[in-house]
């Protein structure tokens, strides 16, 4: 690989932008997609490789190409180092996600309670500014404290996060929506929020709620109908789990 191509590839990955390295096997010529203009058929192969997250060999117009996708990491940014976050933690890595927990409350955000996770003890507005949620990021708020949840949701709604979820009842969410409107968010933005968070499996315990959240995140990532936000149901009362240490 030429030094210039390597430098460009590293720059794209550092910026957490999706990029595909296209190598023509006959002579080693290389392109980066979508940064470089390439024939439509090659662009389609690159796009498919990104979606599948797997390298591929293709032959186009008699030329063999190796397609090597480089996706940004999948992340779940959780606000609130609560019991649900603890139950989500062992599920994240096997599903391909890095899980980051944001909570300025030092008694909650500890390595003892959340071993092996990245912990951020900044206030959520500062944490989200540093983490920069992208199209490979899910954001989940679990604290029920507007001082912590609202800044995170405000930042998430201004980002390309593929999933935004918030714990709380219909009444809690109605109050949350009013506050988000005051921050300038319209109906289309607010409709992105999954609230109550998680698939409707009548979850009660923290592990059950964690399972419903992780399943909904996977569904949203894969484009399944189950991953679409749903209206909050009056009977949904999942507000007492995970709000204490």
C-alpha atoms as a PDB file:
ATOM      1  CA  UNK A   1       0.000   0.000   0.000  1.00  0.00           C
ATOM      2  CA  UNK A   2       1.297   3.433  -0.905  1.00  0.00           C
ATOM      3  CA  UNK A   3       2.067   5.757   1.977  1.00  0.00           C
ATOM      4  CA  UNK A   4      -0.437   8.322   0.743  1.00  0.00           C
ATOM      5  CA  UNK A   5      -3.240   5.746   0.601  1.00  0.00           C
ATOM      6  CA  UNK A   6      -2.379   4.461   4.067  1.00  0.00           C
ATOM      7  CA  UNK A   7      -2.374   7.994   5.479  1.00  0.00           C
ATOM      8  CA  UNK A   8      -5.778   8.707   3.941  1.00  0.00           C
ATOM      9  CA  UNK A   9      -7.196   5.436   5.249  1.00  0.00           C
ATOM     10  CA  UNK A  10      -5.909   6.132   8.757  1.00  0.00           C
ATOM     11  CA  UNK A  11      -7.328   9.661   8.643  1.00  0.00           C
ATOM     12  CA  UNK A  12     -10.779   8.381   7.675  1.00  0.00           C
ATOM     13  CA  UNK A  13     -10.735   5.759  10.408  1.00  0.00           C
ATOM     14  CA  UNK A  14      -9.562   8.303  13.000  1.00  0.00           C
ATOM     15  CA  UNK A  15     -12.484  10.536  11.996  1.00  0.00           C
ATOM     16  CA  UNK A  16     -14.803   7.522  12.433  1.00  0.00           C
ATOM     17  CA  UNK A  17     -15.999   7.678   8.838  1.00  0.00           C
ATOM     18  CA  UNK A  18     -16.925   4.523   6.959  1.00  0.00           C
ATOM     19  CA  UNK A  19     -14.445   3.766   4.200  1.00  0.00           C
ATOM     20  CA  UNK A  20     -13.768   0.867   1.846  1.00  0.00           C
ATOM     21  CA  UNK A  21     -10.327  -0.008   0.502  1.00  0.00           C
ATOM     22  CA  UNK A  22     -10.611  -1.291  -3.076  1.00  0.00           C
ATOM     23  CA  UNK A  23      -7.614  -3.198  -4.417  1.00  0.00           C
ATOM     24  CA  UNK A  24      -7.287  -4.317  -8.049  1.00  0.00           C
ATOM     25  CA  UNK A  25      -5.440  -7.600  -7.861  1.00  0.00           C
ATOM     26  CA  UNK A  26      -3.870  -7.452 -11.318  1.00  0.00           C
ATOM     27  CA  UNK A  27      -1.654  -4.471 -10.534  1.00  0.00           C
ATOM     28  CA  UNK A  28      -2.294  -3.505  -6.882  1.00  0.00           C
ATOM     29  CA  UNK A  29      -3.997  -0.224  -7.778  1.00  0.00           C
ATOM     30  CA  UNK A  30      -6.066   1.026  -4.836  1.00  0.00           C
ATOM     31  CA  UNK A  31      -8.950   3.404  -4.243  1.00  0.00           C
ATOM     32  CA  UNK A  32     -10.864   4.557  -1.177  1.00  0.00           C
ATOM     33  CA  UNK A  33     -14.643   4.672  -1.446  1.00  0.00           C
ATOM     34  CA  UNK A  34     -16.656   6.879  -1.126  1.00  0.00           C
ATOM     35  CA  UNK A  35     -13.817   9.383  -1.114  1.00  0.00           C
ATOM     36  CA  UNK A  36     -12.635   8.430  -4.627  1.00  0.00           C
ATOM     37  CA  UNK A  37     -14.799   8.307  -7.723  1.00  0.00           C
ATOM     38  CA  UNK A  38     -15.126   4.708  -8.919  1.00  0.00           C
ATOM     39  CA  UNK A  39     -17.422   2.945 -11.424  1.00  0.00           C
ATOM     40  CA  UNK A  40     -20.967   2.420 -10.214  1.00  0.00           C
ATOM     41  CA  UNK A  41     -20.626  -1.374 -10.058  1.00  0.00           C
ATOM     42  CA  UNK A  42     -17.551  -1.072  -7.840  1.00  0.00           C
ATOM     43  CA  UNK A  43     -19.304   1.471  -5.605  1.00  0.00           C
ATOM     44  CA  UNK A  44     -22.249  -0.912  -5.261  1.00  0.00           C
ATOM     45  CA  UNK A  45     -19.876  -3.721  -4.206  1.00  0.00           C
ATOM     46  CA  UNK A  46     -18.237  -1.406  -1.665  1.00  0.00           C
ATOM     47  CA  UNK A  47     -21.600  -0.339  -0.259  1.00  0.00           C
ATOM     48  CA  UNK A  48     -22.668  -3.969   0.054  1.00  0.00           C
ATOM     49  CA  UNK A  49     -19.427  -4.876   1.863  1.00  0.00           C
ATOM     50  CA  UNK A  50     -19.991  -2.075   4.371  1.00  0.00           C
ATOM     51  CA  UNK A  51     -23.498  -3.332   5.047  1.00  0.00           C
ATOM     52  CA  UNK A  52     -22.346  -6.911   5.479  1.00  0.00           C
ATOM     53  CA  UNK A  53     -19.223  -5.829   7.384  1.00  0.00           C
ATOM     54  CA  UNK A  54     -17.250  -8.477   5.520  1.00  0.00           C
ATOM     55  CA  UNK A  55     -14.500  -8.380   2.918  1.00  0.00           C
ATOM     56  CA  UNK A  56     -15.266  -9.773  -0.517  1.00  0.00           C
ATOM     57  CA  UNK A  57     -13.718 -10.681  -3.854  1.00  0.00           C
ATOM     58  CA  UNK A  58     -15.545  -9.437  -6.941  1.00  0.00           C
ATOM     59  CA  UNK A  59     -14.837  -9.551 -10.663  1.00  0.00           C
ATOM     60  CA  UNK A  60     -15.982  -6.556 -12.687  1.00  0.00           C
ATOM     61  CA  UNK A  61     -15.305  -6.150 -16.408  1.00  0.00           C
ATOM     62  CA  UNK A  62     -12.822  -8.995 -16.223  1.00  0.00           C
ATOM     63  CA  UNK A  63     -10.835  -7.425 -13.358  1.00  0.00           C
ATOM     64  CA  UNK A  64     -10.625  -9.010  -9.902  1.00  0.00           C
ATOM     65  CA  UNK A  65     -10.987  -6.662  -6.916  1.00  0.00           C
ATOM     66  CA  UNK A  66     -10.629  -7.219  -3.199  1.00  0.00           C
ATOM     67  CA  UNK A  67     -13.172  -5.193  -1.210  1.00  0.00           C
ATOM     68  CA  UNK A  68     -12.090  -4.413   2.351  1.00  0.00           C
ATOM     69  CA  UNK A  69     -14.644  -2.434   4.433  1.00  0.00           C
ATOM     70  CA  UNK A  70     -13.599  -0.345   7.435  1.00  0.00           C
ATOM     71  CA  UNK A  71     -16.627   0.606   9.504  1.00  0.00           C
ATOM     72  CA  UNK A  72     -16.396   2.824  12.587  1.00  0.00           C
ATOM     73  CA  UNK A  73     -16.882   0.845  15.808  1.00  0.00           C
ATOM     74  CA  UNK A  74     -20.387   0.109  17.003  1.00  0.00           C
ATOM     75  CA  UNK A  75     -21.047   1.874  20.297  1.00  0.00           C
ATOM     76  CA  UNK A  76     -23.766   1.994  22.922  1.00  0.00           C
ATOM     77  CA  UNK A  77     -23.542   5.158  25.014  1.00  0.00           C
ATOM     78  CA  UNK A  78     -25.513   4.625  28.217  1.00  0.00           C
ATOM     79  CA  UNK A  79     -26.290   7.522  30.539  1.00  0.00           C
ATOM     80  CA  UNK A  80     -26.713   6.159  34.032  1.00  0.00           C
ATOM     81  CA  UNK A  81     -24.545   3.564  35.765  1.00  0.00           C
ATOM     82  CA  UNK A  82     -27.643   1.818  37.134  1.00  0.00           C
ATOM     83  CA  UNK A  83     -28.783  -1.786  37.450  1.00  0.00           C
ATOM     84  CA  UNK A  84     -30.051  -1.961  33.870  1.00  0.00           C
ATOM     85  CA  UNK A  85     -26.664  -0.794  32.620  1.00  0.00           C
ATOM     86  CA  UNK A  86     -25.030  -3.528  34.678  1.00  0.00           C
ATOM     87  CA  UNK A  87     -27.314  -6.111  33.056  1.00  0.00           C
ATOM     88  CA  UNK A  88     -26.662  -4.738  29.554  1.00  0.00           C
ATOM     89  CA  UNK A  89     -22.893  -4.852  29.969  1.00  0.00           C
ATOM     90  CA  UNK A  90     -22.279  -8.591  29.388  1.00  0.00           C
ATOM     91  CA  UNK A  91     -24.555  -8.545  26.326  1.00  0.00           C
ATOM     92  CA  UNK A  92     -22.842  -5.691  24.482  1.00  0.00           C
ATOM     93  CA  UNK A  93     -19.478  -7.153  23.476  1.00  0.00           C
ATOM     94  CA  UNK A  94     -20.801 -10.466  22.071  1.00  0.00           C
ATOM     95  CA  UNK A  95     -23.161  -8.403  19.896  1.00  0.00           C
ATOM     96  CA  UNK A  96     -20.236  -6.355  18.572  1.00  0.00           C
ATOM     97  CA  UNK A  97     -20.773  -3.167  20.587  1.00  0.00           C
ATOM     98  CA  UNK A  98     -18.413  -1.159  22.725  1.00  0.00           C
ATOM     99  CA  UNK A  99     -20.439   0.033  25.716  1.00  0.00           C
ATOM    100  CA  UNK A 100     -19.624   3.377  27.288  1.00  0.00           C
ATOM    101  CA  UNK A 101     -21.336   4.431  30.509  1.00  0.00           C
ATOM    102  CA  UNK A 102     -21.677   8.125  31.319  1.00  0.00           C
ATOM    103  CA  UNK A 103     -22.459   9.106  34.896  1.00  0.00           C
ATOM    104  CA  UNK A 104     -20.930  11.941  36.938  1.00  0.00           C
ATOM    105  CA  UNK A 105     -22.019  10.253  40.168  1.00  0.00           C
ATOM    106  CA  UNK A 106     -18.829   8.671  41.406  1.00  0.00           C
ATOM    107  CA  UNK A 107     -20.559   6.173  43.669  1.00  0.00           C
ATOM    108  CA  UNK A 108     -22.363   4.702  40.648  1.00  0.00           C
ATOM    109  CA  UNK A 109     -19.733   4.794  37.889  1.00  0.00           C
ATOM    110  CA  UNK A 110     -17.123   2.458  39.339  1.00  0.00           C
ATOM    111  CA  UNK A 111     -15.055  -0.324  37.844  1.00  0.00           C
ATOM    112  CA  UNK A 112     -16.320  -2.616  40.597  1.00  0.00           C
ATOM    113  CA  UNK A 113     -19.932  -2.174  39.504  1.00  0.00           C
ATOM    114  CA  UNK A 114     -19.192  -2.111  35.756  1.00  0.00           C
ATOM    115  CA  UNK A 115     -15.998  -4.089  35.150  1.00  0.00           C
ATOM    116  CA  UNK A 116     -14.424  -3.963  31.725  1.00  0.00           C
ATOM    117  CA  UNK A 117     -16.478  -1.010  30.464  1.00  0.00           C
ATOM    118  CA  UNK A 118     -15.381   2.462  29.470  1.00  0.00           C
ATOM    119  CA  UNK A 119     -16.627   4.845  32.171  1.00  0.00           C
ATOM    120  CA  UNK A 120     -17.028   8.583  31.645  1.00  0.00           C
ATOM    121  CA  UNK A 121     -17.681  10.640  34.769  1.00  0.00           C
ATOM    122  CA  UNK A 122     -18.132  13.964  32.976  1.00  0.00           C
ATOM    123  CA  UNK A 123     -21.524  15.647  32.951  1.00  0.00           C
ATOM    124  CA  UNK A 124     -23.503  14.302  29.978  1.00  0.00           C
ATOM    125  CA  UNK A 125     -23.288  17.474  27.888  1.00  0.00           C
ATOM    126  CA  UNK A 126     -19.488  17.415  28.091  1.00  0.00           C
ATOM    127  CA  UNK A 127     -19.341  13.649  27.662  1.00  0.00           C
ATOM    128  CA  UNK A 128     -21.532  13.684  24.561  1.00  0.00           C
ATOM    129  CA  UNK A 129     -19.515  16.508  23.039  1.00  0.00           C
ATOM    130  CA  UNK A 130     -16.401  14.397  23.431  1.00  0.00           C
ATOM    131  CA  UNK A 131     -17.967  11.093  22.341  1.00  0.00           C
ATOM    132  CA  UNK A 132     -19.662  12.562  19.242  1.00  0.00           C
ATOM    133  CA  UNK A 133     -22.380   9.966  18.591  1.00  0.00           C
ATOM    134  CA  UNK A 134     -22.409   8.931  14.930  1.00  0.00           C
ATOM    135  CA  UNK A 135     -24.455   6.669  12.668  1.00  0.00           C
ATOM    136  CA  UNK A 136     -22.865   3.632  14.361  1.00  0.00           C
ATOM    137  CA  UNK A 137     -23.886   4.794  17.837  1.00  0.00           C
ATOM    138  CA  UNK A 138     -26.875   4.017  20.044  1.00  0.00           C
ATOM    139  CA  UNK A 139     -27.691   6.326  22.958  1.00  0.00           C
ATOM    140  CA  UNK A 140     -29.734   5.126  25.946  1.00  0.00           C
ATOM    141  CA  UNK A 141     -30.667   7.256  28.964  1.00  0.00           C
ATOM    142  CA  UNK A 142     -31.572   5.459  32.193  1.00  0.00           C
ATOM    143  CA  UNK A 143     -31.316   7.878  35.119  1.00  0.00           C
ATOM    144  CA  UNK A 144     -34.786   9.519  35.253  1.00  0.00           C
ATOM    145  CA  UNK A 145     -32.939  12.696  36.242  1.00  0.00           C
ATOM    146  CA  UNK A 146     -33.568  15.497  33.700  1.00  0.00           C
ATOM    147  CA  UNK A 147     -30.248  17.100  34.650  1.00  0.00           C
ATOM    148  CA  UNK A 148     -28.491  13.995  33.312  1.00  0.00           C
ATOM    149  CA  UNK A 149     -30.853  12.569  30.689  1.00  0.00           C
ATOM    150  CA  UNK A 150     -31.955  15.762  28.919  1.00  0.00           C
ATOM    151  CA  UNK A 151     -28.494  17.020  27.862  1.00  0.00           C
ATOM    152  CA  UNK A 152     -27.682  13.562  26.506  1.00  0.00           C
ATOM    153  CA  UNK A 153     -30.946  13.346  24.565  1.00  0.00           C
ATOM    154  CA  UNK A 154     -30.485  16.884  23.253  1.00  0.00           C
ATOM    155  CA  UNK A 155     -27.047  15.939  21.896  1.00  0.00           C
ATOM    156  CA  UNK A 156     -28.254  12.583  20.553  1.00  0.00           C
ATOM    157  CA  UNK A 157     -31.110  14.212  18.641  1.00  0.00           C
ATOM    158  CA  UNK A 158     -28.627  16.566  17.009  1.00  0.00           C
ATOM    159  CA  UNK A 159     -26.462  13.610  15.973  1.00  0.00           C
ATOM    160  CA  UNK A 160     -26.764  10.766  13.469  1.00  0.00           C
ATOM    161  CA  UNK A 161     -27.191   8.138  16.209  1.00  0.00           C
ATOM    162  CA  UNK A 162     -29.094   5.198  14.732  1.00  0.00           C
ATOM    163  CA  UNK A 163     -30.935   4.539  17.993  1.00  0.00           C
ATOM    164  CA  UNK A 164     -32.043   6.793  20.849  1.00  0.00           C
ATOM    165  CA  UNK A 165     -33.845   5.292  23.826  1.00  0.00           C
ATOM    166  CA  UNK A 166     -35.067   6.701  27.133  1.00  0.00           C
ATOM    167  CA  UNK A 167     -36.353   4.850  30.186  1.00  0.00           C
ATOM    168  CA  UNK A 168     -39.610   6.080  31.653  1.00  0.00           C
ATOM    169  CA  UNK A 169     -43.392   5.887  31.665  1.00  0.00           C
ATOM    170  CA  UNK A 170     -45.704   7.690  29.270  1.00  0.00           C
ATOM    171  CA  UNK A 171     -46.161  10.502  31.809  1.00  0.00           C
ATOM    172  CA  UNK A 172     -42.408  10.814  32.290  1.00  0.00           C
ATOM    173  CA  UNK A 173     -41.888  10.946  28.541  1.00  0.00           C
ATOM    174  CA  UNK A 174     -44.575  13.595  28.042  1.00  0.00           C
ATOM    175  CA  UNK A 175     -42.741  15.888  30.457  1.00  0.00           C
ATOM    176  CA  UNK A 176     -39.461  15.028  28.717  1.00  0.00           C
ATOM    177  CA  UNK A 177     -40.935  15.897  25.320  1.00  0.00           C
ATOM    178  CA  UNK A 178     -42.036  19.311  26.590  1.00  0.00           C
ATOM    179  CA  UNK A 179     -38.520  20.037  27.810  1.00  0.00           C
ATOM    180  CA  UNK A 180     -36.984  18.897  24.525  1.00  0.00           C
ATOM    181  CA  UNK A 181     -39.374  21.139  22.621  1.00  0.00           C
ATOM    182  CA  UNK A 182     -38.126  24.035  24.725  1.00  0.00           C
ATOM    183  CA  UNK A 183     -34.629  23.116  23.524  1.00  0.00           C
ATOM    184  CA  UNK A 184     -35.776  23.514  19.922  1.00  0.00           C
ATOM    185  CA  UNK A 185     -36.577  19.945  18.862  1.00  0.00           C
ATOM    186  CA  UNK A 186     -39.564  19.375  16.589  1.00  0.00           C
ATOM    187  CA  UNK A 187     -41.881  16.430  16.083  1.00  0.00           C
ATOM    188  CA  UNK A 188     -39.645  14.582  13.616  1.00  0.00           C
ATOM    189  CA  UNK A 189     -36.673  14.716  15.951  1.00  0.00           C
ATOM    190  CA  UNK A 190     -38.618  13.698  19.040  1.00  0.00           C
ATOM    191  CA  UNK A 191     -40.199  10.798  17.139  1.00  0.00           C
ATOM    192  CA  UNK A 192     -36.721   9.242  16.936  1.00  0.00           C
ATOM    193  CA  UNK A 193     -36.790   8.492  20.669  1.00  0.00           C
ATOM    194  CA  UNK A 194     -37.734   4.968  21.726  1.00  0.00           C
ATOM    195  CA  UNK A 195     -39.770   5.576  24.843  1.00  0.00           C
ATOM    196  CA  UNK A 196     -40.515   3.490  26.803  1.00  0.00           C
ATOM    197  CA  UNK A 197     -37.155   2.068  25.851  1.00  0.00           C
ATOM    198  CA  UNK A 198     -36.908  -1.545  24.674  1.00  0.00           C
ATOM    199  CA  UNK A 199     -39.156  -4.053  22.935  1.00  0.00           C
ATOM    200  CA  UNK A 200     -42.541  -4.573  24.554  1.00  0.00           C
ATOM    201  CA  UNK A 201     -41.956  -7.949  26.219  1.00  0.00           C
ATOM    202  CA  UNK A 202     -43.622  -6.956  29.516  1.00  0.00           C
ATOM    203  CA  UNK A 203     -40.168  -6.696  31.076  1.00  0.00           C
ATOM    204  CA  UNK A 204     -40.097  -6.064  34.822  1.00  0.00           C
ATOM    205  CA  UNK A 205     -36.673  -6.895  36.225  1.00  0.00           C
ATOM    206  CA  UNK A 206     -33.446  -5.112  35.318  1.00  0.00           C
ATOM    207  CA  UNK A 207     -32.107  -8.082  33.285  1.00  0.00           C
ATOM    208  CA  UNK A 208     -35.419  -8.354  31.405  1.00  0.00           C
ATOM    209  CA  UNK A 209     -35.404  -4.636  30.593  1.00  0.00           C
ATOM    210  CA  UNK A 210     -31.755  -4.880  29.532  1.00  0.00           C
ATOM    211  CA  UNK A 211     -32.641  -7.755  27.203  1.00  0.00           C
ATOM    212  CA  UNK A 212     -35.513  -5.771  25.675  1.00  0.00           C
ATOM    213  CA  UNK A 213     -33.240  -2.752  25.123  1.00  0.00           C
ATOM    214  CA  UNK A 214     -30.447  -4.755  23.515  1.00  0.00           C
ATOM    215  CA  UNK A 215     -32.921  -6.557  21.258  1.00  0.00           C
ATOM    216  CA  UNK A 216     -34.437  -3.261  20.135  1.00  0.00           C
ATOM    217  CA  UNK A 217     -30.995  -1.805  19.420  1.00  0.00           C
ATOM    218  CA  UNK A 218     -30.111  -4.822  17.267  1.00  0.00           C
ATOM    219  CA  UNK A 219     -33.457  -4.572  15.456  1.00  0.00           C
ATOM    220  CA  UNK A 220     -32.894  -0.872  14.763  1.00  0.00           C
ATOM    221  CA  UNK A 221     -29.392  -1.519  13.494  1.00  0.00           C
ATOM    222  CA  UNK A 222     -30.574  -4.287  11.165  1.00  0.00           C
ATOM    223  CA  UNK A 223     -33.557  -2.306   9.893  1.00  0.00           C
ATOM    224  CA  UNK A 224     -36.162  -4.682  11.312  1.00  0.00           C
ATOM    225  CA  UNK A 225     -39.682  -3.373  11.866  1.00  0.00           C
ATOM    226  CA  UNK A 226     -39.310  -4.122  15.575  1.00  0.00           C
ATOM    227  CA  UNK A 227     -36.611  -1.470  15.689  1.00  0.00           C
ATOM    228  CA  UNK A 228     -38.983   1.399  14.876  1.00  0.00           C
ATOM    229  CA  UNK A 229     -39.988   3.721  17.739  1.00  0.00           C
ATOM    230  CA  UNK A 230     -43.435   2.886  19.116  1.00  0.00           C
ATOM    231  CA  UNK A 231     -45.964   5.062  20.958  1.00  0.00           C
ATOM    232  CA  UNK A 232     -45.690   4.961  24.723  1.00  0.00           C
ATOM    233  CA  UNK A 233     -48.383   2.774  26.218  1.00  0.00           C
ATOM    234  CA  UNK A 234     -50.298   3.972  29.310  1.00  0.00           C
ATOM    235  CA  UNK A 235     -49.759   0.615  31.016  1.00  0.00           C
ATOM    236  CA  UNK A 236     -46.009   0.726  30.558  1.00  0.00           C
ATOM    237  CA  UNK A 237     -44.589   1.392  34.018  1.00  0.00           C
ATOM    238  CA  UNK A 238     -40.892   0.535  33.902  1.00  0.00           C
ATOM    239  CA  UNK A 239     -39.696   3.391  36.026  1.00  0.00           C
ATOM    240  CA  UNK A 240     -38.499   1.960  39.305  1.00  0.00           C
ATOM    241  CA  UNK A 241     -35.781  -0.437  38.167  1.00  0.00           C
ATOM    242  CA  UNK A 242     -32.204   0.733  38.076  1.00  0.00           C
ATOM    243  CA  UNK A 243     -32.510   4.197  39.545  1.00  0.00           C
ATOM    244  CA  UNK A 244     -30.633   3.382  42.704  1.00  0.00           C
ATOM    245  CA  UNK A 245     -27.162   1.994  43.206  1.00  0.00           C
END
